[in-house]
Amino acid sequence: MSRKAELIKEMLEMQKKFSADERAGKFNAEDYYIGEGKPYRERYQELASEVREIASKEANFWK
């Protein structure tokens, strides 16, 4: 599996867990931005940035 595919897989798993936690009422919007959800949000942003970098290189796109 390519690095990009691994990152996307992790992102999808994170989204699935986030949606389940949100439906279960495990946190609110404030928690997401400044509480327990902050590490989740930061990790997701890291993954998204890396995927964007890989995709840009694959497409030979200069940002």
Protein backbone atom coordinates (compact mmCIF):
# COMPACT_ATOMS: atom_id res chain seq x y z
CA MET A 1 0.00 0.00 0.00
CA SER A 2 1.34 3.43 -0.91
CA ARG A 3 2.02 6.06 1.74
CA LYS A 4 -0.85 8.18 0.39
CA ALA A 5 -3.26 5.23 0.61
CA GLU A 6 -2.13 4.54 4.20
CA LEU A 7 -2.73 8.16 5.18
CA ILE A 8 -6.16 8.22 3.55
CA LYS A 9 -7.07 4.95 5.27
CA GLU A 10 -6.10 6.45 8.64
CA MET A 11 -8.11 9.59 7.88
CA LEU A 12 -11.19 7.54 6.99
CA GLU A 13 -10.86 5.52 10.19
CA MET A 14 -10.56 8.75 12.18
CA GLN A 15 -13.68 10.15 10.47
CA LYS A 16 -15.63 7.00 11.25
CA LYS A 17 -14.62 7.09 14.93
CA PHE A 18 -15.31 10.83 15.15
CA SER A 19 -18.80 10.40 13.71
CA ALA A 20 -19.59 7.56 16.12
CA ASP A 21 -18.29 9.54 19.11
CA GLU A 22 -20.26 12.60 18.05
CA ARG A 23 -23.49 10.61 17.68
CA ALA A 24 -22.88 9.04 21.10
CA GLY A 25 -22.56 12.52 22.63
CA LYS A 26 -18.99 11.93 23.84
CA PHE A 27 -18.03 15.55 23.21
CA ASN A 28 -19.43 18.87 22.09
CA ALA A 29 -18.16 21.54 19.69
CA GLU A 30 -16.10 23.25 22.39
CA ASP A 31 -14.33 19.98 23.20
CA TYR A 32 -13.53 19.52 19.52
CA TYR A 33 -11.77 22.87 19.23
CA ILE A 34 -10.13 23.40 22.62
CA GLY A 35 -10.69 20.28 24.68
CA GLU A 36 -10.18 16.57 24.21
CA GLY A 37 -10.83 16.78 20.47
CA LYS A 38 -7.93 19.13 19.81
CA PRO A 39 -5.31 16.35 19.38
CA TYR A 40 -7.71 14.58 16.97
CA ARG A 41 -8.15 17.76 14.92
CA GLU A 42 -4.41 18.44 14.87
CA ARG A 43 -3.55 14.88 13.79
CA TYR A 44 -6.18 14.99 11.06
CA GLN A 45 -4.73 18.26 9.76
CA GLU A 46 -1.24 16.71 9.70
CA LEU A 47 -2.51 13.77 7.67
CA ALA A 48 -4.43 16.01 5.27
CA SER A 49 -1.35 18.19 4.71
CA GLU A 50 0.82 15.18 3.93
CA VAL A 51 -1.76 13.77 1.52
CA ARG A 52 -1.99 17.17 -0.20
CA GLU A 53 1.82 17.30 -0.56
CA ILE A 54 1.97 13.81 -2.06
CA ALA A 55 -0.92 14.51 -4.43
CA SER A 56 0.66 17.79 -5.53
CA LYS A 57 3.91 16.01 -6.38
CA GLU A 58 2.05 13.25 -8.23
CA ALA A 59 0.18 15.85 -10.30
CA ASN A 60 3.36 17.89 -10.75
CA PHE A 61 1.48 20.84 -9.32
CA TRP A 62 3.38 23.78 -7.90
CA LYS A 63 1.52 25.38 -5.01
